[in-house]
Amino acid sequence: MGYLISETTKEEREKIVAESLGNIAANCDGCMAGLAEMYQDYIDGRKELREINMEFNAGYIKGNDIPGSESSRGRMFCND
């Protein structure tokens, strides 16, 4: 089975996201909900997984926001 929007139905995309997120151990409240919302455009057929993941990663490729950099140490991924 493929993962592209053109190769899947909405129901299949929902299952792909649910199964993928089920394999992630979220250690803080609200993390899973935020991740599920992030992939809604894929489920609805508006953006491919690759696009969503690239947009998410782009947030870390700006100056001091790079994970592991001096200014980002001590910050948690999941904080409200």
Protein backbone atom coordinates (compact mmCIF):
# COMPACT_ATOMS: atom_id res chain seq x y z
CA MET A 1 0.00 0.00 0.00
CA GLY A 2 1.23 3.46 -0.84
CA TYR A 3 1.06 6.56 1.30
CA LEU A 4 0.44 9.23 -1.33
CA ILE A 5 -2.94 10.92 -1.32
CA SER A 6 -3.57 9.68 -4.86
CA GLU A 7 -2.98 6.08 -3.71
CA THR A 8 -5.17 6.14 -0.59
CA THR A 9 -8.69 6.84 0.57
CA LYS A 10 -9.45 9.18 3.45
CA GLU A 11 -10.16 6.16 5.66
CA GLU A 12 -6.79 4.62 4.78
CA ARG A 13 -5.02 7.91 5.56
CA GLU A 14 -6.78 8.09 8.93
CA LYS A 15 -5.58 4.56 9.68
CA ILE A 16 -2.00 5.37 8.57
CA VAL A 17 -1.84 8.38 10.89
CA ALA A 18 -3.49 6.57 13.81
CA GLU A 19 -1.14 3.60 13.53
CA SER A 20 1.91 5.83 13.18
CA LEU A 21 1.02 7.98 16.18
CA GLY A 22 0.22 4.88 18.20
CA ASN A 23 3.90 3.95 17.91
CA ILE A 24 5.05 7.24 19.46
CA ALA A 25 5.43 7.38 23.22
CA ALA A 26 4.19 10.82 24.24
CA ASN A 27 5.44 11.61 27.71
CA CYS A 28 3.50 14.80 28.34
CA ASP A 29 -0.14 15.86 28.31
CA GLY A 30 -1.45 17.19 25.02
CA CYS A 31 1.41 16.00 22.81
CA MET A 32 -0.54 13.33 20.94
CA ALA A 33 -3.46 15.67 20.27
CA GLY A 34 -1.09 18.22 18.73
CA LEU A 35 0.53 15.61 16.53
CA ALA A 36 -2.83 14.29 15.36
CA GLU A 37 -3.92 17.83 14.41
CA MET A 38 -0.66 18.35 12.53
CA TYR A 39 -1.57 15.52 10.13
CA GLN A 40 -5.20 16.56 9.50
CA ASP A 41 -4.29 18.14 6.14
CA TYR A 42 -2.93 14.76 5.02
CA ILE A 43 -6.04 12.93 6.18
CA ASP A 44 -8.22 15.46 4.35
CA GLY A 45 -6.15 15.12 1.17
CA ARG A 46 -4.71 18.64 1.16
CA LYS A 47 -1.01 17.94 1.83
CA GLU A 48 1.26 14.94 1.48
CA LEU A 49 3.05 13.55 4.53
CA ARG A 50 6.35 14.75 3.11
CA GLU A 51 5.09 18.35 2.94
CA ILE A 52 3.81 18.31 6.51
CA ASN A 53 7.02 16.81 7.87
CA MET A 54 9.15 19.31 5.94
CA GLU A 55 7.11 22.23 7.32
CA PHE A 56 7.46 20.88 10.85
CA ASN A 57 11.21 20.40 10.51
CA ALA A 58 11.65 23.85 8.96
CA GLY A 59 10.78 25.36 12.33
CA TYR A 60 14.01 23.95 13.71
CA ILE A 61 16.24 25.20 10.92
CA LYS A 62 16.26 28.82 12.07
CA GLY A 63 19.21 30.15 14.04
CA ASN A 64 18.81 29.36 17.71
CA ASP A 65 15.88 26.99 17.32
CA ILE A 66 18.06 24.12 16.21
CA PRO A 67 17.57 21.23 18.67
CA GLY A 68 20.70 20.74 20.72
CA SER A 69 21.95 24.26 20.19
CA GLU A 70 23.10 26.25 23.21
CA SER A 71 19.94 28.39 23.38
CA SER A 72 17.53 25.48 22.99
CA ARG A 73 18.97 23.34 25.77
CA GLY A 74 16.57 22.80 28.59
CA ARG A 75 13.50 23.42 26.45
CA MET A 76 11.12 20.51 26.09
CA PHE A 77 9.52 19.47 22.82
CA CYS A 78 6.07 19.27 24.40
CA ASN A 79 5.29 22.28 26.51
CA ASP A 80 2.05 24.21 26.81
